Amino acid sequence: MTSNDHFSPLSSHGSPDFLWLHLRDLPYFRSLVRAVEARFYQDIDLPSPTLDVGCGDGHFASVTFSRKLEVGLDPWEGPLRKAARLNAYQGLTLADGSKTPFPDAVFSSAVSNSVLEHIPHVDAVLIETARLLKPGAPFIFCVPNHQFLYTLSVSTAFDRIGLRLMGNAYRAFFNRISRHQHCDPPEVWQTRLESAGFQLERWWHYFSPQALHWVEWGHYFGLPSLVAHWLTGKWILVPERWNLTLTERLIRRFYEQEPRCEQGVYTFYIARRK
């Protein structure tokens, strides 16, 4: 199945440096993916009011959008406290995405950035999101796809030398530490969306296999950042250019290359409430 993306090219003039804005606050493997995704939203109109389904700590919204989104929704109190400090939303709601306190058709748009893949009951969340949106309202989200696990460098290396059981074991391990419940192709998401009351308008794969390898190994090289976060609540202790220069140089090429590709391991979706 090929992408049906007919979007205009990414804007390059006057756009913020999303890579640096993420890198100064987050481990590099998270920064690179989020920075690429942030660029996509610059060409998308999100009518107000907007709901962010699974807003987490609000960092992505605080960096990506030029205005405060109206509502950030998340089932975890800790991340919402951080989102409140970042002041990225007009309001925050503690609730499961499948059971929210809002009336029908109250939002004019919704986003969910790299969240739905973690939710076991994703179909119920999609149905609830559709209930909250006005007819014709856009719903924008992105998730890892069916190419993600089979592009990992370690599992691929095992496969090449005939150790497929080891390759599959590594895939299961990496999927577990990534907390993925769904790594599915577009046709699966299209079925889910249509069942929930959406029409899928366009989608595209993005993030090359080479970029994924850097993200994959970043989970291991990023352990010092995890320790720092446990001890201080901050991922990056010294968020200065001089401290992050080498890291930035190594990953910037993946940020600046055209992220959309048929072999991309993530997929960006634009759907609309029927």
C-alpha atoms as a PDB file:
ATOM      1  CA  MET A   1       0.000   0.000   0.000  1.00  0.00           C
ATOM      2  CA  THR A   2       1.465   3.373  -0.947  1.00  0.00           C
ATOM      3  CA  SER A   3       1.076   6.748   0.670  1.00  0.00           C
ATOM      4  CA  ASN A   4      -1.772   8.936  -0.518  1.00  0.00           C
ATOM      5  CA  ASP A   5      -0.143  12.096   0.784  1.00  0.00           C
ATOM      6  CA  HIS A   6      -0.800  15.171  -1.341  1.00  0.00           C
ATOM      7  CA  PHE A   7       0.478  17.697   1.193  1.00  0.00           C
ATOM      8  CA  SER A   8       2.645  20.633   0.231  1.00  0.00           C
ATOM      9  CA  PRO A   9       6.402  20.457   0.944  1.00  0.00           C
ATOM     10  CA  LEU A  10       7.566  21.219   4.445  1.00  0.00           C
ATOM     11  CA  SER A  11       8.099  24.881   5.211  1.00  0.00           C
ATOM     12  CA  SER A  12      11.735  25.798   5.688  1.00  0.00           C
ATOM     13  CA  HIS A  13      11.710  29.597   5.980  1.00  0.00           C
ATOM     14  CA  GLY A  14      11.046  31.131   9.342  1.00  0.00           C
ATOM     15  CA  SER A  15      10.338  27.830  11.088  1.00  0.00           C
ATOM     16  CA  PRO A  16      11.745  27.284  14.579  1.00  0.00           C
ATOM     17  CA  ASP A  17      14.657  24.909  15.026  1.00  0.00           C
ATOM     18  CA  PHE A  18      12.576  22.109  16.475  1.00  0.00           C
ATOM     19  CA  LEU A  19      15.579  19.836  16.851  1.00  0.00           C
ATOM     20  CA  TRP A  20      17.314  22.185  19.257  1.00  0.00           C
ATOM     21  CA  LEU A  21      14.089  23.025  21.087  1.00  0.00           C
ATOM     22  CA  HIS A  22      13.639  19.329  21.872  1.00  0.00           C
ATOM     23  CA  LEU A  23      17.299  18.425  22.304  1.00  0.00           C
ATOM     24  CA  ARG A  24      17.884  20.930  25.095  1.00  0.00           C
ATOM     25  CA  ASP A  25      15.197  19.227  27.205  1.00  0.00           C
ATOM     26  CA  LEU A  26      15.020  15.566  26.130  1.00  0.00           C
ATOM     27  CA  PRO A  27      17.297  12.590  25.361  1.00  0.00           C
ATOM     28  CA  TYR A  28      18.443  12.748  21.758  1.00  0.00           C
ATOM     29  CA  PHE A  29      16.510   9.666  20.617  1.00  0.00           C
ATOM     30  CA  ARG A  30      13.227  11.253  21.701  1.00  0.00           C
ATOM     31  CA  SER A  31      14.266  14.679  20.450  1.00  0.00           C
ATOM     32  CA  LEU A  32      14.935  13.542  16.895  1.00  0.00           C
ATOM     33  CA  VAL A  33      11.577  11.821  16.372  1.00  0.00           C
ATOM     34  CA  ARG A  34       9.572  14.585  18.051  1.00  0.00           C
ATOM     35  CA  ALA A  35      11.408  17.302  16.102  1.00  0.00           C
ATOM     36  CA  VAL A  36      10.607  15.653  12.776  1.00  0.00           C
ATOM     37  CA  GLU A  37       6.952  15.327  13.773  1.00  0.00           C
ATOM     38  CA  ALA A  38       6.782  18.942  14.935  1.00  0.00           C
ATOM     39  CA  ARG A  39       7.678  20.099  11.432  1.00  0.00           C
ATOM     40  CA  PHE A  40       4.666  18.326   9.930  1.00  0.00           C
ATOM     41  CA  TYR A  41       2.196  20.253  12.075  1.00  0.00           C
ATOM     42  CA  GLN A  42       3.386  23.614  10.738  1.00  0.00           C
ATOM     43  CA  ASP A  43       1.397  23.064   7.519  1.00  0.00           C
ATOM     44  CA  ILE A  44      -1.755  21.783   9.222  1.00  0.00           C
ATOM     45  CA  ASP A  45      -4.699  23.926  10.278  1.00  0.00           C
ATOM     46  CA  LEU A  46      -6.089  23.035  13.714  1.00  0.00           C
ATOM     47  CA  PRO A  47      -9.363  24.895  14.285  1.00  0.00           C
ATOM     48  CA  SER A  48     -10.110  25.893  17.869  1.00  0.00           C
ATOM     49  CA  PRO A  49     -10.948  24.413  20.259  1.00  0.00           C
ATOM     50  CA  THR A  50      -8.384  21.590  20.001  1.00  0.00           C
ATOM     51  CA  LEU A  51      -8.099  18.477  22.161  1.00  0.00           C
ATOM     52  CA  ASP A  52      -4.725  16.789  22.719  1.00  0.00           C
ATOM     53  CA  VAL A  53      -5.417  13.115  23.418  1.00  0.00           C
ATOM     54  CA  GLY A  54      -2.597  11.830  25.630  1.00  0.00           C
ATOM     55  CA  CYS A  55      -0.826  15.136  26.166  1.00  0.00           C
ATOM     56  CA  GLY A  56       1.683  13.743  28.673  1.00  0.00           C
ATOM     57  CA  ASP A  57       3.958  16.372  30.180  1.00  0.00           C
ATOM     58  CA  GLY A  58       2.994  18.919  27.524  1.00  0.00           C
ATOM     59  CA  HIS A  59       6.523  19.377  26.204  1.00  0.00           C
ATOM     60  CA  PHE A  60       5.655  18.527  22.604  1.00  0.00           C
ATOM     61  CA  ALA A  61       2.743  20.955  22.514  1.00  0.00           C
ATOM     62  CA  SER A  62       4.763  23.714  24.192  1.00  0.00           C
ATOM     63  CA  VAL A  63       7.411  23.492  21.464  1.00  0.00           C
ATOM     64  CA  THR A  64       5.320  22.638  18.403  1.00  0.00           C
ATOM     65  CA  PHE A  65       2.281  24.903  18.413  1.00  0.00           C
ATOM     66  CA  SER A  66       2.254  28.686  18.187  1.00  0.00           C
ATOM     67  CA  ARG A  67      -0.791  28.911  20.451  1.00  0.00           C
ATOM     68  CA  LYS A  68      -1.980  27.198  23.581  1.00  0.00           C
ATOM     69  CA  LEU A  69      -4.177  24.246  22.739  1.00  0.00           C
ATOM     70  CA  GLU A  70      -7.473  24.380  24.560  1.00  0.00           C
ATOM     71  CA  VAL A  71      -7.391  21.034  26.407  1.00  0.00           C
ATOM     72  CA  GLY A  72      -4.687  18.518  27.231  1.00  0.00           C
ATOM     73  CA  LEU A  73      -6.066  15.108  28.242  1.00  0.00           C
ATOM     74  CA  ASP A  74      -4.079  12.398  30.024  1.00  0.00           C
ATOM     75  CA  PRO A  75      -4.818   9.547  32.481  1.00  0.00           C
ATOM     76  CA  TRP A  76      -1.678  10.150  34.582  1.00  0.00           C
ATOM     77  CA  GLU A  77      -1.467  12.863  37.236  1.00  0.00           C
ATOM     78  CA  GLY A  78       2.331  13.171  37.297  1.00  0.00           C
ATOM     79  CA  PRO A  79       2.759  14.210  33.639  1.00  0.00           C
ATOM     80  CA  LEU A  80      -0.187  16.607  33.945  1.00  0.00           C
ATOM     81  CA  ARG A  81       1.571  18.409  36.788  1.00  0.00           C
ATOM     82  CA  LYS A  82       4.538  18.952  34.478  1.00  0.00           C
ATOM     83  CA  ALA A  83       2.210  20.102  31.677  1.00  0.00           C
ATOM     84  CA  ALA A  84       0.713  22.653  34.056  1.00  0.00           C
ATOM     85  CA  ARG A  85       4.176  24.073  34.765  1.00  0.00           C
ATOM     86  CA  LEU A  86       4.917  24.376  31.038  1.00  0.00           C
ATOM     87  CA  ASN A  87       1.632  26.245  30.537  1.00  0.00           C
ATOM     88  CA  ALA A  88       1.082  24.760  27.061  1.00  0.00           C
ATOM     89  CA  TYR A  89      -2.699  24.350  27.403  1.00  0.00           C
ATOM     90  CA  GLN A  90      -5.606  26.505  28.410  1.00  0.00           C
ATOM     91  CA  GLY A  91      -6.899  23.597  30.479  1.00  0.00           C
ATOM     92  CA  LEU A  92      -5.846  20.106  31.572  1.00  0.00           C
ATOM     93  CA  THR A  93      -8.102  17.113  32.248  1.00  0.00           C
ATOM     94  CA  LEU A  94      -7.210  13.958  34.151  1.00  0.00           C
ATOM     95  CA  ALA A  95      -9.171  11.160  32.461  1.00  0.00           C
ATOM     96  CA  ASP A  96      -8.837   8.012  30.396  1.00  0.00           C
ATOM     97  CA  GLY A  97      -9.176   8.714  26.678  1.00  0.00           C
ATOM     98  CA  SER A  98     -12.079   6.286  26.449  1.00  0.00           C
ATOM     99  CA  LYS A  99     -14.094   7.995  29.214  1.00  0.00           C
ATOM    100  CA  THR A 100     -13.955  11.761  29.211  1.00  0.00           C
ATOM    101  CA  PRO A 101     -16.160  14.339  30.971  1.00  0.00           C
ATOM    102  CA  PHE A 102     -16.919  16.411  27.861  1.00  0.00           C
ATOM    103  CA  PRO A 103     -20.230  16.707  25.961  1.00  0.00           C
ATOM    104  CA  ASP A 104     -20.690  15.548  22.377  1.00  0.00           C
ATOM    105  CA  ALA A 105     -19.184  17.497  19.466  1.00  0.00           C
ATOM    106  CA  VAL A 106     -17.433  20.113  21.596  1.00  0.00           C
ATOM    107  CA  PHE A 107     -14.034  20.201  19.839  1.00  0.00           C
ATOM    108  CA  SER A 108     -13.188  21.446  16.346  1.00  0.00           C
ATOM    109  CA  SER A 109      -9.951  19.443  16.044  1.00  0.00           C
ATOM    110  CA  ALA A 110      -7.880  16.852  17.907  1.00  0.00           C
ATOM    111  CA  VAL A 111      -4.300  15.622  17.914  1.00  0.00           C
ATOM    112  CA  SER A 112      -2.573  12.601  19.438  1.00  0.00           C
ATOM    113  CA  ASN A 113       1.165  12.549  18.900  1.00  0.00           C
ATOM    114  CA  SER A 114       2.845   9.151  19.310  1.00  0.00           C
ATOM    115  CA  VAL A 115       0.319   8.036  21.928  1.00  0.00           C
ATOM    116  CA  LEU A 116      -2.207   5.635  20.403  1.00  0.00           C
ATOM    117  CA  GLU A 117       0.379   2.888  19.910  1.00  0.00           C
ATOM    118  CA  HIS A 118       0.670   2.581  23.705  1.00  0.00           C
ATOM    119  CA  ILE A 119      -3.058   2.143  24.443  1.00  0.00           C
ATOM    120  CA  PRO A 120      -4.403  -1.431  24.681  1.00  0.00           C
ATOM    121  CA  HIS A 121      -8.026  -0.259  24.329  1.00  0.00           C
ATOM    122  CA  VAL A 122      -7.275   2.016  21.384  1.00  0.00           C
ATOM    123  CA  ASP A 123     -10.604   1.315  19.640  1.00  0.00           C
ATOM    124  CA  ALA A 124     -12.530   2.683  22.615  1.00  0.00           C
ATOM    125  CA  VAL A 125     -10.326   5.786  22.633  1.00  0.00           C
ATOM    126  CA  LEU A 126     -10.971   6.386  18.932  1.00  0.00           C
ATOM    127  CA  ILE A 127     -14.732   6.052  19.449  1.00  0.00           C
ATOM    128  CA  GLU A 128     -14.627   8.527  22.329  1.00  0.00           C
ATOM    129  CA  THR A 129     -12.484  10.965  20.339  1.00  0.00           C
ATOM    130  CA  ALA A 130     -14.993  10.827  17.485  1.00  0.00           C
ATOM    131  CA  ARG A 131     -17.814  11.559  19.940  1.00  0.00           C
ATOM    132  CA  LEU A 132     -16.031  14.679  21.142  1.00  0.00           C
ATOM    133  CA  LEU A 133     -15.382  16.097  17.669  1.00  0.00           C
ATOM    134  CA  LYS A 134     -17.747  18.140  15.554  1.00  0.00           C
ATOM    135  CA  PRO A 135     -18.694  16.668  12.159  1.00  0.00           C
ATOM    136  CA  GLY A 136     -15.921  17.411   9.691  1.00  0.00           C
ATOM    137  CA  ALA A 137     -13.339  18.124  12.406  1.00  0.00           C
ATOM    138  CA  PRO A 138      -9.775  16.924  11.676  1.00  0.00           C
ATOM    139  CA  PHE A 139      -8.030  14.346  13.836  1.00  0.00           C
ATOM    140  CA  ILE A 140      -4.234  14.256  13.450  1.00  0.00           C
ATOM    141  CA  PHE A 141      -2.064  11.511  14.885  1.00  0.00           C
ATOM    142  CA  CYS A 142       1.118   9.535  14.296  1.00  0.00           C
ATOM    143  CA  VAL A 143       2.282   6.083  15.352  1.00  0.00           C
ATOM    144  CA  PRO A 144       5.041   3.556  14.618  1.00  0.00           C
ATOM    145  CA  ASN A 145       4.053   1.240  11.791  1.00  0.00           C
ATOM    146  CA  HIS A 146       4.511  -2.378  10.691  1.00  0.00           C
ATOM    147  CA  GLN A 147       8.043  -1.650   9.441  1.00  0.00           C
ATOM    148  CA  PHE A 148       9.311  -0.487  12.827  1.00  0.00           C
ATOM    149  CA  LEU A 149      10.242  -3.801  14.474  1.00  0.00           C
ATOM    150  CA  TYR A 150      11.618  -5.363  11.289  1.00  0.00           C
ATOM    151  CA  THR A 151      13.966  -2.429  10.715  1.00  0.00           C
ATOM    152  CA  LEU A 152      15.756  -2.537  14.089  1.00  0.00           C
ATOM    153  CA  SER A 153      19.494  -2.943  13.576  1.00  0.00           C
ATOM    154  CA  VAL A 154      20.132  -5.659  16.169  1.00  0.00           C
ATOM    155  CA  SER A 155      17.294  -7.930  15.087  1.00  0.00           C
ATOM    156  CA  THR A 156      18.226  -7.444  11.426  1.00  0.00           C
ATOM    157  CA  ALA A 157      21.814  -8.462  12.211  1.00  0.00           C
ATOM    158  CA  PHE A 158      20.581 -11.635  13.886  1.00  0.00           C
ATOM    159  CA  ASP A 159      18.373 -12.404  10.880  1.00  0.00           C
ATOM    160  CA  ARG A 160      21.281 -12.036   8.471  1.00  0.00           C
ATOM    161  CA  ILE A 161      23.332 -14.694  10.218  1.00  0.00           C
ATOM    162  CA  GLY A 162      20.406 -17.097  10.485  1.00  0.00           C
ATOM    163  CA  LEU A 163      19.514 -16.479  14.132  1.00  0.00           C
ATOM    164  CA  ARG A 164      15.875 -15.553  13.561  1.00  0.00           C
ATOM    165  CA  LEU A 165      14.802 -16.705  17.019  1.00  0.00           C
ATOM    166  CA  MET A 166      17.266 -14.262  18.540  1.00  0.00           C
ATOM    167  CA  GLY A 167      16.042 -11.563  16.159  1.00  0.00           C
ATOM    168  CA  ASN A 168      12.437 -12.112  17.153  1.00  0.00           C
ATOM    169  CA  ALA A 169      13.392 -12.175  20.837  1.00  0.00           C
ATOM    170  CA  TYR A 170      15.105  -8.815  20.447  1.00  0.00           C
ATOM    171  CA  ARG A 171      12.072  -7.393  18.648  1.00  0.00           C
ATOM    172  CA  ALA A 172       9.850  -8.513  21.521  1.00  0.00           C
ATOM    173  CA  PHE A 173      12.288  -6.998  24.026  1.00  0.00           C
ATOM    174  CA  PHE A 174      12.474  -3.654  22.226  1.00  0.00           C
ATOM    175  CA  ASN A 175       8.719  -3.540  21.766  1.00  0.00           C
ATOM    176  CA  ARG A 176       8.334  -4.096  25.508  1.00  0.00           C
ATOM    177  CA  ILE A 177      10.737  -1.333  26.568  1.00  0.00           C
ATOM    178  CA  SER A 178       9.052   0.971  24.034  1.00  0.00           C
ATOM    179  CA  ARG A 179       5.657   0.061  25.562  1.00  0.00           C
ATOM    180  CA  HIS A 180       4.150  -0.541  22.123  1.00  0.00           C
ATOM    181  CA  GLN A 181       0.759  -2.227  21.876  1.00  0.00           C
ATOM    182  CA  HIS A 182       0.204  -1.511  18.181  1.00  0.00           C
ATOM    183  CA  CYS A 183       2.695  -1.310  15.286  1.00  0.00           C
ATOM    184  CA  ASP A 184       0.260  -1.627  12.417  1.00  0.00           C
ATOM    185  CA  PRO A 185       0.024  -0.743   8.703  1.00  0.00           C
ATOM    186  CA  PRO A 186      -2.296   1.971   7.348  1.00  0.00           C
ATOM    187  CA  GLU A 187      -5.020  -0.464   6.309  1.00  0.00           C
ATOM    188  CA  VAL A 188      -5.425  -1.576   9.933  1.00  0.00           C
ATOM    189  CA  TRP A 189      -5.668   2.007  11.158  1.00  0.00           C
ATOM    190  CA  GLN A 190      -8.100   2.830   8.358  1.00  0.00           C
ATOM    191  CA  THR A 191     -10.405   0.035   9.524  1.00  0.00           C
ATOM    192  CA  ARG A 192     -10.173   1.246  13.126  1.00  0.00           C
ATOM    193  CA  LEU A 193     -10.889   4.827  12.114  1.00  0.00           C
ATOM    194  CA  GLU A 194     -13.876   3.980   9.935  1.00  0.00           C
ATOM    195  CA  SER A 195     -15.360   1.803  12.687  1.00  0.00           C
ATOM    196  CA  ALA A 196     -15.016   4.698  15.128  1.00  0.00           C
ATOM    197  CA  GLY A 197     -16.682   7.260  12.852  1.00  0.00           C
ATOM    198  CA  PHE A 198     -13.739   8.787  10.979  1.00  0.00           C
ATOM    199  CA  GLN A 199     -12.740   9.002   7.348  1.00  0.00           C
ATOM    200  CA  LEU A 200      -9.021   8.673   6.616  1.00  0.00           C
ATOM    201  CA  GLU A 201      -8.017  11.463   4.246  1.00  0.00           C
ATOM    202  CA  ARG A 202      -4.260  11.048   3.845  1.00  0.00           C
ATOM    203  CA  TRP A 203      -1.199   9.481   5.402  1.00  0.00           C
ATOM    204  CA  TRP A 204       2.521   9.120   4.831  1.00  0.00           C
ATOM    205  CA  HIS A 205       5.384   7.047   6.187  1.00  0.00           C
ATOM    206  CA  TYR A 206       8.325   8.939   7.640  1.00  0.00           C
ATOM    207  CA  PHE A 207      11.609   8.461   9.493  1.00  0.00           C
ATOM    208  CA  SER A 208      14.165   6.372   7.609  1.00  0.00           C
ATOM    209  CA  PRO A 209      15.606   3.035   8.771  1.00  0.00           C
ATOM    210  CA  GLN A 210      18.974   4.742   9.270  1.00  0.00           C
ATOM    211  CA  ALA A 211      17.395   7.334  11.554  1.00  0.00           C
ATOM    212  CA  LEU A 212      15.653   4.564  13.488  1.00  0.00           C
ATOM    213  CA  HIS A 213      19.000   2.865  14.157  1.00  0.00           C
ATOM    214  CA  TRP A 214      20.216   6.021  15.880  1.00  0.00           C
ATOM    215  CA  VAL A 215      17.042   6.147  17.912  1.00  0.00           C
ATOM    216  CA  GLU A 216      17.338   2.447  18.760  1.00  0.00           C
ATOM    217  CA  TRP A 217      20.866   2.786  20.151  1.00  0.00           C
ATOM    218  CA  GLY A 218      19.892   5.994  21.879  1.00  0.00           C
ATOM    219  CA  HIS A 219      17.775   3.935  24.261  1.00  0.00           C
ATOM    220  CA  TYR A 220      21.020   2.452  25.577  1.00  0.00           C
ATOM    221  CA  PHE A 221      23.363   5.436  25.269  1.00  0.00           C
ATOM    222  CA  GLY A 222      20.669   7.541  26.930  1.00  0.00           C
ATOM    223  CA  LEU A 223      20.852   5.696  30.251  1.00  0.00           C
ATOM    224  CA  PRO A 224      22.769   8.586  31.919  1.00  0.00           C
ATOM    225  CA  SER A 225      19.864  10.875  31.021  1.00  0.00           C
ATOM    226  CA  LEU A 226      17.478   8.408  32.673  1.00  0.00           C
ATOM    227  CA  VAL A 227      19.550   8.445  35.857  1.00  0.00           C
ATOM    228  CA  ALA A 228      19.643  12.245  35.786  1.00  0.00           C
ATOM    229  CA  HIS A 229      15.871  12.352  35.402  1.00  0.00           C
ATOM    230  CA  TRP A 230      15.379  10.016  38.370  1.00  0.00           C
ATOM    231  CA  LEU A 231      17.627  12.167  40.545  1.00  0.00           C
ATOM    232  CA  THR A 232      16.706  15.685  39.431  1.00  0.00           C
ATOM    233  CA  GLY A 233      13.535  15.521  37.334  1.00  0.00           C
ATOM    234  CA  LYS A 234      15.519  16.806  34.335  1.00  0.00           C
ATOM    235  CA  TRP A 235      16.658  14.792  31.329  1.00  0.00           C
ATOM    236  CA  ILE A 236      19.421  17.247  30.413  1.00  0.00           C
ATOM    237  CA  LEU A 237      21.422  18.736  33.278  1.00  0.00           C
ATOM    238  CA  VAL A 238      23.282  21.309  31.149  1.00  0.00           C
ATOM    239  CA  PRO A 239      20.996  22.403  28.282  1.00  0.00           C
ATOM    240  CA  GLU A 240      23.642  24.508  26.542  1.00  0.00           C
ATOM    241  CA  ARG A 241      24.925  24.375  22.978  1.00  0.00           C
ATOM    242  CA  TRP A 242      28.512  23.678  24.052  1.00  0.00           C
ATOM    243  CA  ASN A 243      27.369  20.612  25.987  1.00  0.00           C
ATOM    244  CA  LEU A 244      25.183  19.216  23.201  1.00  0.00           C
ATOM    245  CA  THR A 245      27.209  20.220  20.132  1.00  0.00           C
ATOM    246  CA  LEU A 246      28.488  16.744  19.260  1.00  0.00           C
ATOM    247  CA  THR A 247      25.095  15.113  19.749  1.00  0.00           C
ATOM    248  CA  GLU A 248      23.423  17.760  17.641  1.00  0.00           C
ATOM    249  CA  ARG A 249      25.940  17.355  14.812  1.00  0.00           C
ATOM    250  CA  LEU A 250      25.465  13.592  14.739  1.00  0.00           C
ATOM    251  CA  ILE A 251      21.671  13.640  14.444  1.00  0.00           C
ATOM    252  CA  ARG A 252      20.940  16.902  12.617  1.00  0.00           C
ATOM    253  CA  ARG A 253      21.407  15.240   9.203  1.00  0.00           C
ATOM    254  CA  PHE A 254      18.391  13.031   9.925  1.00  0.00           C
ATOM    255  CA  TYR A 255      16.332  16.033  10.960  1.00  0.00           C
ATOM    256  CA  GLU A 256      17.225  18.004   7.839  1.00  0.00           C
ATOM    257  CA  GLN A 257      16.726  15.192   5.310  1.00  0.00           C
ATOM    258  CA  GLU A 258      13.312  14.655   3.715  1.00  0.00           C
ATOM    259  CA  PRO A 259      11.651  12.553   6.447  1.00  0.00           C
ATOM    260  CA  ARG A 260       8.901  11.064   4.281  1.00  0.00           C
ATOM    261  CA  CYS A 261       9.862   7.784   2.627  1.00  0.00           C
ATOM    262  CA  GLU A 262       8.212   4.499   1.684  1.00  0.00           C
ATOM    263  CA  GLN A 263      10.492   2.642   4.100  1.00  0.00           C
ATOM    264  CA  GLY A 264       9.665   5.016   6.950  1.00  0.00           C
ATOM    265  CA  VAL A 265       9.019   3.316  10.283  1.00  0.00           C
ATOM    266  CA  TYR A 266       6.372   5.766  11.519  1.00  0.00           C
ATOM    267  CA  THR A 267       3.145   6.899   9.845  1.00  0.00           C
ATOM    268  CA  PHE A 268       1.431  10.284  10.060  1.00  0.00           C
ATOM    269  CA  TYR A 269      -2.356  10.299   9.636  1.00  0.00           C
ATOM    270  CA  ILE A 270      -4.909  12.968   8.840  1.00  0.00           C
ATOM    271  CA  ALA A 271      -8.476  11.803   9.435  1.00  0.00           C
ATOM    272  CA  ARG A 272     -11.775  13.648   9.668  1.00  0.00           C
ATOM    273  CA  ARG A 273     -14.899  13.097  11.723  1.00  0.00           C
ATOM    274  CA  LYS A 274     -17.713  11.887   9.478  1.00  0.00           C
END
